[in-house]
Amino acid sequence: MAFCISFKLETDPKILLENADMALRKYKMHMVVANELLSRKEEVVVVTSNEKISVRRNKSLGVDDVESALIELIVERHSAYVENSDL
């Protein structure tokens, strides 16, 4: 019943999303945070069973890291999961 997230870091952007999709199915995750080694501090892609969401660092708002936006998305998705589950 837990909301499960895993992380996938790759050096090759050509295989990143494919490997994230594979990890999502193989390990039965709710989401996989996929990032490229070279751009990991600027952008990540959150992969779910039905979408891929690009999360970027927002320099215009003075945000120094991508983690703030990522945490916001994860909290939002986790809250929706808890509200919709039969606990």
PDB file of N, CA and C in Angstrom:
ATOM      1  N   MET A   1       0.805  -1.199   0.000  1.00  0.00           N
ATOM      2  CA  MET A   1       0.000   0.000   0.000  1.00  0.00           C
ATOM      3  C   MET A   1       0.852   1.269   0.000  1.00  0.00           C
ATOM      4  N   ALA A   2       2.143   1.127   0.168  1.00  0.00           N
ATOM      5  CA  ALA A   2       3.037   2.290   0.199  1.00  0.00           C
ATOM      6  C   ALA A   2       3.136   2.936  -1.174  1.00  0.00           C
ATOM      7  N   PHE A   3       3.411   4.226  -1.189  1.00  0.00           N
ATOM      8  CA  PHE A   3       3.659   4.971  -2.422  1.00  0.00           C
ATOM      9  C   PHE A   3       5.151   4.846  -2.693  1.00  0.00           C
ATOM     10  N   CYS A   4       5.506   4.127  -3.741  1.00  0.00           N
ATOM     11  CA  CYS A   4       6.903   3.780  -3.983  1.00  0.00           C
ATOM     12  C   CYS A   4       7.510   4.580  -5.135  1.00  0.00           C
ATOM     13  N   ILE A   5       8.700   5.092  -4.882  1.00  0.00           N
ATOM     14  CA  ILE A   5       9.439   5.896  -5.849  1.00  0.00           C
ATOM     15  C   ILE A   5      10.845   5.323  -5.953  1.00  0.00           C
ATOM     16  N   SER A   6      11.359   5.269  -7.170  1.00  0.00           N
ATOM     17  CA  SER A   6      12.767   4.913  -7.335  1.00  0.00           C
ATOM     18  C   SER A   6      13.437   5.974  -8.202  1.00  0.00           C
ATOM     19  N   PHE A   7      14.728   5.871  -8.297  1.00  0.00           N
ATOM     20  CA  PHE A   7      15.519   6.860  -9.031  1.00  0.00           C
ATOM     21  C   PHE A   7      16.376   6.142 -10.059  1.00  0.00           C
ATOM     22  N   LYS A   8      16.502   6.746 -11.222  1.00  0.00           N
ATOM     23  CA  LYS A   8      17.305   6.172 -12.300  1.00  0.00           C
ATOM     24  C   LYS A   8      18.231   7.265 -12.820  1.00  0.00           C
ATOM     25  N   LEU A   9      19.513   7.048 -12.687  1.00  0.00           N
ATOM     26  CA  LEU A   9      20.532   7.976 -13.173  1.00  0.00           C
ATOM     27  C   LEU A   9      21.277   7.299 -14.314  1.00  0.00           C
ATOM     28  N   GLU A  10      21.372   7.987 -15.440  1.00  0.00           N
ATOM     29  CA  GLU A  10      22.070   7.443 -16.610  1.00  0.00           C
ATOM     30  C   GLU A  10      23.016   8.480 -17.178  1.00  0.00           C
ATOM     31  N   THR A  11      24.040   8.015 -17.854  1.00  0.00           N
ATOM     32  CA  THR A  11      24.949   8.917 -18.566  1.00  0.00           C
ATOM     33  C   THR A  11      24.536   9.070 -20.025  1.00  0.00           C
ATOM     34  N   ASP A  12      23.744   8.144 -20.525  1.00  0.00           N
ATOM     35  CA  ASP A  12      23.313   8.159 -21.921  1.00  0.00           C
ATOM     36  C   ASP A  12      21.839   8.571 -21.998  1.00  0.00           C
ATOM     37  N   PRO A  13      21.548   9.757 -22.529  1.00  0.00           N
ATOM     38  CA  PRO A  13      20.156  10.221 -22.583  1.00  0.00           C
ATOM     39  C   PRO A  13      19.260   9.355 -23.475  1.00  0.00           C
ATOM     40  N   LYS A  14      19.850   8.605 -24.386  1.00  0.00           N
ATOM     41  CA  LYS A  14      19.062   7.780 -25.303  1.00  0.00           C
ATOM     42  C   LYS A  14      18.371   6.618 -24.597  1.00  0.00           C
ATOM     43  N   ILE A  15      18.932   6.159 -23.499  1.00  0.00           N
ATOM     44  CA  ILE A  15      18.350   5.004 -22.811  1.00  0.00           C
ATOM     45  C   ILE A  15      17.678   5.370 -21.485  1.00  0.00           C
ATOM     46  N   LEU A  16      17.749   6.624 -21.095  1.00  0.00           N
ATOM     47  CA  LEU A  16      17.237   7.035 -19.788  1.00  0.00           C
ATOM     48  C   LEU A  16      15.757   6.726 -19.607  1.00  0.00           C
ATOM     49  N   LEU A  17      14.904   7.216 -20.491  1.00  0.00           N
ATOM     50  CA  LEU A  17      13.465   7.022 -20.322  1.00  0.00           C
ATOM     51  C   LEU A  17      13.056   5.566 -20.508  1.00  0.00           C
ATOM     52  N   GLU A  18      13.729   4.879 -21.404  1.00  0.00           N
ATOM     53  CA  GLU A  18      13.458   3.445 -21.599  1.00  0.00           C
ATOM     54  C   GLU A  18      13.764   2.673 -20.311  1.00  0.00           C
ATOM     55  N   ASN A  19      14.903   2.947 -19.698  1.00  0.00           N
ATOM     56  CA  ASN A  19      15.270   2.267 -18.460  1.00  0.00           C
ATOM     57  C   ASN A  19      14.362   2.670 -17.300  1.00  0.00           C
ATOM     58  N   ALA A  20      13.916   3.924 -17.287  1.00  0.00           N
ATOM     59  CA  ALA A  20      12.984   4.364 -16.244  1.00  0.00           C
ATOM     60  C   ALA A  20      11.649   3.643 -16.385  1.00  0.00           C
ATOM     61  N   ASP A  21      11.152   3.512 -17.616  1.00  0.00           N
ATOM     62  CA  ASP A  21       9.910   2.765 -17.859  1.00  0.00           C
ATOM     63  C   ASP A  21      10.052   1.311 -17.418  1.00  0.00           C
ATOM     64  N   MET A  22      11.202   0.733 -17.722  1.00  0.00           N
ATOM     65  CA  MET A  22      11.450  -0.658 -17.352  1.00  0.00           C
ATOM     66  C   MET A  22      11.473  -0.811 -15.818  1.00  0.00           C
ATOM     67  N   ALA A  23      12.120   0.110 -15.129  1.00  0.00           N
ATOM     68  CA  ALA A  23      12.172   0.063 -13.661  1.00  0.00           C
ATOM     69  C   ALA A  23      10.790   0.249 -13.060  1.00  0.00           C
ATOM     70  N   LEU A  24       9.980   1.111 -13.659  1.00  0.00           N
ATOM     71  CA  LEU A  24       8.615   1.346 -13.195  1.00  0.00           C
ATOM     72  C   LEU A  24       7.824   0.042 -13.187  1.00  0.00           C
ATOM     73  N   ARG A  25       7.922  -0.703 -14.277  1.00  0.00           N
ATOM     74  CA  ARG A  25       7.178  -1.971 -14.394  1.00  0.00           C
ATOM     75  C   ARG A  25       7.820  -3.091 -13.573  1.00  0.00           C
ATOM     76  N   LYS A  26       9.122  -3.232 -13.693  1.00  0.00           N
ATOM     77  CA  LYS A  26       9.813  -4.351 -13.049  1.00  0.00           C
ATOM     78  C   LYS A  26       9.691  -4.313 -11.529  1.00  0.00           C
ATOM     79  N   TYR A  27       9.832  -3.126 -10.950  1.00  0.00           N
ATOM     80  CA  TYR A  27       9.815  -3.004  -9.493  1.00  0.00           C
ATOM     81  C   TYR A  27       8.480  -2.500  -8.960  1.00  0.00           C
ATOM     82  N   LYS A  28       7.497  -2.343  -9.859  1.00  0.00           N
ATOM     83  CA  LYS A  28       6.136  -1.933  -9.492  1.00  0.00           C
ATOM     84  C   LYS A  28       6.125  -0.627  -8.697  1.00  0.00           C
ATOM     85  N   MET A  29       6.824   0.352  -9.237  1.00  0.00           N
ATOM     86  CA  MET A  29       6.897   1.672  -8.616  1.00  0.00           C
ATOM     87  C   MET A  29       5.701   2.522  -9.036  1.00  0.00           C
ATOM     88  N   HIS A  30       5.399   3.533  -8.248  1.00  0.00           N
ATOM     89  CA  HIS A  30       4.387   4.507  -8.640  1.00  0.00           C
ATOM     90  C   HIS A  30       5.013   5.592  -9.514  1.00  0.00           C
ATOM     91  N   MET A  31       6.275   5.867  -9.271  1.00  0.00           N
ATOM     92  CA  MET A  31       6.996   6.818 -10.116  1.00  0.00           C
ATOM     93  C   MET A  31       8.488   6.551 -10.050  1.00  0.00           C
ATOM     94  N   VAL A  32       9.157   6.943 -11.132  1.00  0.00           N
ATOM     95  CA  VAL A  32      10.610   6.857 -11.202  1.00  0.00           C
ATOM     96  C   VAL A  32      11.121   8.253 -11.538  1.00  0.00           C
ATOM     97  N   VAL A  33      12.049   8.733 -10.749  1.00  0.00           N
ATOM     98  CA  VAL A  33      12.691  10.018 -11.020  1.00  0.00           C
ATOM     99  C   VAL A  33      13.926   9.702 -11.860  1.00  0.00           C
ATOM    100  N   ALA A  34      13.875  10.133 -13.117  1.00  0.00           N
ATOM    101  CA  ALA A  34      14.943   9.816 -14.061  1.00  0.00           C
ATOM    102  C   ALA A  34      15.759  11.070 -14.341  1.00  0.00           C
ATOM    103  N   ASN A  35      17.075  10.925 -14.261  1.00  0.00           N
ATOM    104  CA  ASN A  35      17.908  12.081 -14.589  1.00  0.00           C
ATOM    105  C   ASN A  35      19.205  11.654 -15.251  1.00  0.00           C
ATOM    106  N   GLU A  36      19.698  12.582 -16.040  1.00  0.00           N
ATOM    107  CA  GLU A  36      20.966  12.422 -16.729  1.00  0.00           C
ATOM    108  C   GLU A  36      22.076  12.954 -15.841  1.00  0.00           C
ATOM    109  N   LEU A  37      23.193  12.314 -15.847  1.00  0.00           N
ATOM    110  CA  LEU A  37      24.301  12.731 -15.001  1.00  0.00           C
ATOM    111  C   LEU A  37      24.686  14.193 -15.230  1.00  0.00           C
ATOM    112  N   LEU A  38      24.790  14.602 -16.478  1.00  0.00           N
ATOM    113  CA  LEU A  38      25.266  15.953 -16.778  1.00  0.00           C
ATOM    114  C   LEU A  38      24.251  17.059 -16.474  1.00  0.00           C
ATOM    115  N   SER A  39      22.974  16.735 -16.512  1.00  0.00           N
ATOM    116  CA  SER A  39      21.949  17.772 -16.297  1.00  0.00           C
ATOM    117  C   SER A  39      21.133  17.540 -15.027  1.00  0.00           C
ATOM    118  N   ARG A  40      21.608  16.691 -14.141  1.00  0.00           N
ATOM    119  CA  ARG A  40      20.831  16.292 -12.970  1.00  0.00           C
ATOM    120  C   ARG A  40      20.489  17.441 -12.028  1.00  0.00           C
ATOM    121  N   LYS A  41      21.246  18.508 -12.061  1.00  0.00           N
ATOM    122  CA  LYS A  41      20.967  19.643 -11.172  1.00  0.00           C
ATOM    123  C   LYS A  41      20.029  20.660 -11.827  1.00  0.00           C
ATOM    124  N   GLU A  42      19.751  20.467 -13.103  1.00  0.00           N
ATOM    125  CA  GLU A  42      18.892  21.390 -13.849  1.00  0.00           C
ATOM    126  C   GLU A  42      17.515  20.817 -14.161  1.00  0.00           C
ATOM    127  N   GLU A  43      17.477  19.505 -14.466  1.00  0.00           N
ATOM    128  CA  GLU A  43      16.222  18.902 -14.918  1.00  0.00           C
ATOM    129  C   GLU A  43      16.168  17.427 -14.570  1.00  0.00           C
ATOM    130  N   VAL A  44      14.981  16.968 -14.192  1.00  0.00           N
ATOM    131  CA  VAL A  44      14.703  15.541 -14.023  1.00  0.00           C
ATOM    132  C   VAL A  44      13.390  15.264 -14.739  1.00  0.00           C
ATOM    133  N   VAL A  45      13.153  14.008 -15.045  1.00  0.00           N
ATOM    134  CA  VAL A  45      11.888  13.597 -15.638  1.00  0.00           C
ATOM    135  C   VAL A  45      11.256  12.594 -14.688  1.00  0.00           C
ATOM    136  N   VAL A  46      10.032  12.881 -14.285  1.00  0.00           N
ATOM    137  CA  VAL A  46       9.295  11.968 -13.421  1.00  0.00           C
ATOM    138  C   VAL A  46       8.429  11.097 -14.330  1.00  0.00           C
ATOM    139  N   VAL A  47       8.665   9.796 -14.272  1.00  0.00           N
ATOM    140  CA  VAL A  47       7.974   8.842 -15.123  1.00  0.00           C
ATOM    141  C   VAL A  47       6.944   8.104 -14.283  1.00  0.00           C
ATOM    142  N   THR A  48       5.697   8.127 -14.741  1.00  0.00           N
ATOM    143  CA  THR A  48       4.631   7.353 -14.094  1.00  0.00           C
ATOM    144  C   THR A  48       4.066   6.401 -15.141  1.00  0.00           C
ATOM    145  N   SER A  49       3.076   5.633 -14.765  1.00  0.00           N
ATOM    146  CA  SER A  49       2.517   4.669 -15.714  1.00  0.00           C
ATOM    147  C   SER A  49       1.832   5.333 -16.901  1.00  0.00           C
ATOM    148  N   ASN A  50       1.398   6.592 -16.742  1.00  0.00           N
ATOM    149  CA  ASN A  50       0.687   7.219 -17.848  1.00  0.00           C
ATOM    150  C   ASN A  50       1.229   8.590 -18.282  1.00  0.00           C
ATOM    151  N   GLU A  51       2.359   9.031 -17.718  1.00  0.00           N
ATOM    152  CA  GLU A  51       2.914  10.311 -18.148  1.00  0.00           C
ATOM    153  C   GLU A  51       4.388  10.453 -17.802  1.00  0.00           C
ATOM    154  N   LYS A  52       4.986  11.410 -18.470  1.00  0.00           N
ATOM    155  CA  LYS A  52       6.376  11.793 -18.202  1.00  0.00           C
ATOM    156  C   LYS A  52       6.372  13.290 -17.948  1.00  0.00           C
ATOM    157  N   ILE A  53       6.804  13.701 -16.769  1.00  0.00           N
ATOM    158  CA  ILE A  53       6.728  15.095 -16.355  1.00  0.00           C
ATOM    159  C   ILE A  53       8.138  15.643 -16.216  1.00  0.00           C
ATOM    160  N   SER A  54       8.431  16.677 -16.979  1.00  0.00           N
ATOM    161  CA  SER A  54       9.730  17.330 -16.889  1.00  0.00           C
ATOM    162  C   SER A  54       9.696  18.332 -15.734  1.00  0.00           C
ATOM    163  N   VAL A  55      10.672  18.222 -14.849  1.00  0.00           N
ATOM    164  CA  VAL A  55      10.783  19.129 -13.701  1.00  0.00           C
ATOM    165  C   VAL A  55      12.122  19.846 -13.842  1.00  0.00           C
ATOM    166  N   ARG A  56      12.032  21.169 -13.914  1.00  0.00           N
ATOM    167  CA  ARG A  56      13.242  21.967 -14.123  1.00  0.00           C
ATOM    168  C   ARG A  56      13.464  22.927 -12.970  1.00  0.00           C
ATOM    169  N   ARG A  57      14.686  23.284 -12.779  1.00  0.00           N
ATOM    170  CA  ARG A  57      15.054  24.318 -11.822  1.00  0.00           C
ATOM    171  C   ARG A  57      14.531  25.644 -12.364  1.00  0.00           C
ATOM    172  N   ASN A  58      13.896  26.435 -11.524  1.00  0.00           N
ATOM    173  CA  ASN A  58      13.312  27.698 -11.974  1.00  0.00           C
ATOM    174  C   ASN A  58      14.214  28.857 -11.577  1.00  0.00           C
ATOM    175  N   LYS A  59      15.143  29.193 -12.456  1.00  0.00           N
ATOM    176  CA  LYS A  59      16.106  30.264 -12.192  1.00  0.00           C
ATOM    177  C   LYS A  59      15.420  31.618 -12.044  1.00  0.00           C
ATOM    178  N   SER A  60      14.334  31.836 -12.790  1.00  0.00           N
ATOM    179  CA  SER A  60      13.658  33.135 -12.755  1.00  0.00           C
ATOM    180  C   SER A  60      13.034  33.421 -11.389  1.00  0.00           C
ATOM    181  N   LEU A  61      12.706  32.373 -10.635  1.00  0.00           N
ATOM    182  CA  LEU A  61      12.160  32.554  -9.286  1.00  0.00           C
ATOM    183  C   LEU A  61      13.251  32.532  -8.220  1.00  0.00           C
ATOM    184  N   GLY A  62      14.489  32.438  -8.663  1.00  0.00           N
ATOM    185  CA  GLY A  62      15.599  32.425  -7.722  1.00  0.00           C
ATOM    186  C   GLY A  62      15.806  31.089  -7.029  1.00  0.00           C
ATOM    187  N   VAL A  63      15.262  30.029  -7.609  1.00  0.00           N
ATOM    188  CA  VAL A  63      15.414  28.693  -7.026  1.00  0.00           C
ATOM    189  C   VAL A  63      16.762  28.129  -7.457  1.00  0.00           C
ATOM    190  N   ASP A  64      17.552  27.720  -6.486  1.00  0.00           N
ATOM    191  CA  ASP A  64      18.911  27.266  -6.779  1.00  0.00           C
ATOM    192  C   ASP A  64      19.016  25.788  -7.130  1.00  0.00           C
ATOM    193  N   ASP A  65      17.935  25.038  -6.969  1.00  0.00           N
ATOM    194  CA  ASP A  65      18.026  23.607  -7.233  1.00  0.00           C
ATOM    195  C   ASP A  65      16.734  23.063  -7.818  1.00  0.00           C
ATOM    196  N   VAL A  66      16.832  21.912  -8.432  1.00  0.00           N
ATOM    197  CA  VAL A  66      15.673  21.241  -9.008  1.00  0.00           C
ATOM    198  C   VAL A  66      14.892  20.484  -7.926  1.00  0.00           C
ATOM    199  N   GLU A  67      15.530  20.222  -6.811  1.00  0.00           N
ATOM    200  CA  GLU A  67      14.904  19.431  -5.763  1.00  0.00           C
ATOM    201  C   GLU A  67      13.633  20.063  -5.212  1.00  0.00           C
ATOM    202  N   SER A  68      13.595  21.389  -5.088  1.00  0.00           N
ATOM    203  CA  SER A  68      12.408  22.063  -4.543  1.00  0.00           C
ATOM    204  C   SER A  68      11.169  21.765  -5.384  1.00  0.00           C
ATOM    205  N   ALA A  69      11.300  21.904  -6.691  1.00  0.00           N
ATOM    206  CA  ALA A  69      10.175  21.621  -7.587  1.00  0.00           C
ATOM    207  C   ALA A  69       9.836  20.135  -7.583  1.00  0.00           C
ATOM    208  N   LEU A  70      10.843  19.286  -7.492  1.00  0.00           N
ATOM    209  CA  LEU A  70      10.625  17.841  -7.456  1.00  0.00           C
ATOM    210  C   LEU A  70       9.878  17.443  -6.191  1.00  0.00           C
ATOM    211  N   ILE A  71      10.283  17.968  -5.063  1.00  0.00           N
ATOM    212  CA  ILE A  71       9.616  17.658  -3.797  1.00  0.00           C
ATOM    213  C   ILE A  71       8.151  18.088  -3.846  1.00  0.00           C
ATOM    214  N   GLU A  72       7.905  19.259  -4.402  1.00  0.00           N
ATOM    215  CA  GLU A  72       6.531  19.763  -4.518  1.00  0.00           C
ATOM    216  C   GLU A  72       5.660  18.792  -5.331  1.00  0.00           C
ATOM    217  N   LEU A  73       6.186  18.308  -6.448  1.00  0.00           N
ATOM    218  CA  LEU A  73       5.454  17.361  -7.284  1.00  0.00           C
ATOM    219  C   LEU A  73       5.211  16.043  -6.553  1.00  0.00           C
ATOM    220  N   ILE A  74       6.233  15.528  -5.890  1.00  0.00           N
ATOM    221  CA  ILE A  74       6.100  14.250  -5.186  1.00  0.00           C
ATOM    222  C   ILE A  74       5.084  14.358  -4.053  1.00  0.00           C
ATOM    223  N   VAL A  75       5.122  15.442  -3.305  1.00  0.00           N
ATOM    224  CA  VAL A  75       4.160  15.629  -2.212  1.00  0.00           C
ATOM    225  C   VAL A  75       2.739  15.689  -2.772  1.00  0.00           C
ATOM    226  N   GLU A  76       2.564  16.409  -3.876  1.00  0.00           N
ATOM    227  CA  GLU A  76       1.250  16.512  -4.510  1.00  0.00           C
ATOM    228  C   GLU A  76       0.734  15.137  -4.937  1.00  0.00           C
ATOM    229  N   ARG A  77       1.583  14.352  -5.589  1.00  0.00           N
ATOM    230  CA  ARG A  77       1.184  13.018  -6.064  1.00  0.00           C
ATOM    231  C   ARG A  77       0.944  12.058  -4.898  1.00  0.00           C
ATOM    232  N   HIS A  78       1.768  12.141  -3.870  1.00  0.00           N
ATOM    233  CA  HIS A  78       1.581  11.280  -2.706  1.00  0.00           C
ATOM    234  C   HIS A  78       0.259  11.611  -2.008  1.00  0.00           C
ATOM    235  N   SER A  79      -0.038  12.889  -1.856  1.00  0.00           N
ATOM    236  CA  SER A  79      -1.293  13.304  -1.221  1.00  0.00           C
ATOM    237  C   SER A  79      -2.497  12.782  -2.000  1.00  0.00           C
ATOM    238  N   ALA A  80      -2.448  12.883  -3.318  1.00  0.00           N
ATOM    239  CA  ALA A  80      -3.537  12.370  -4.151  1.00  0.00           C
ATOM    240  C   ALA A  80      -3.667  10.858  -3.998  1.00  0.00           C
ATOM    241  N   TYR A  81      -2.540  10.169  -3.913  1.00  0.00           N
ATOM    242  CA  TYR A  81      -2.546   8.711  -3.735  1.00  0.00           C
ATOM    243  C   TYR A  81      -3.202   8.333  -2.411  1.00  0.00           C
ATOM    244  N   VAL A  82      -2.840   9.029  -1.346  1.00  0.00           N
ATOM    245  CA  VAL A  82      -3.395   8.741  -0.022  1.00  0.00           C
ATOM    246  C   VAL A  82      -4.899   9.023  -0.010  1.00  0.00           C
ATOM    247  N   GLU A  83      -5.319  10.113  -0.606  1.00  0.00           N
ATOM    248  CA  GLU A  83      -6.736  10.462  -0.643  1.00  0.00           C
ATOM    249  C   GLU A  83      -7.566   9.428  -1.421  1.00  0.00           C
ATOM    250  N   ASN A  84      -6.975   8.840  -2.437  1.00  0.00           N
ATOM    251  CA  ASN A  84      -7.707   7.909  -3.283  1.00  0.00           C
ATOM    252  C   ASN A  84      -7.552   6.439  -2.908  1.00  0.00           C
ATOM    253  N   SER A  85      -6.745   6.162  -1.898  1.00  0.00           N
ATOM    254  CA  SER A  85      -6.546   4.756  -1.523  1.00  0.00           C
ATOM    255  C   SER A  85      -7.494   4.372  -0.393  1.00  0.00           C
ATOM    256  N   ASP A  86      -7.743   3.102  -0.290  1.00  0.00           N
ATOM    257  CA  ASP A  86      -8.613   2.567   0.760  1.00  0.00           C
ATOM    258  C   ASP A  86      -7.755   2.104   1.930  1.00  0.00           C
ATOM    259  N   LEU A  87      -7.344   3.035   2.768  1.00  0.00           N
ATOM    260  CA  LEU A  87      -6.481   2.684   3.908  1.00  0.00           C
ATOM    261  C   LEU A  87      -7.288   2.117   5.035  1.00  0.00           C
TER     262      LEU A  87
END
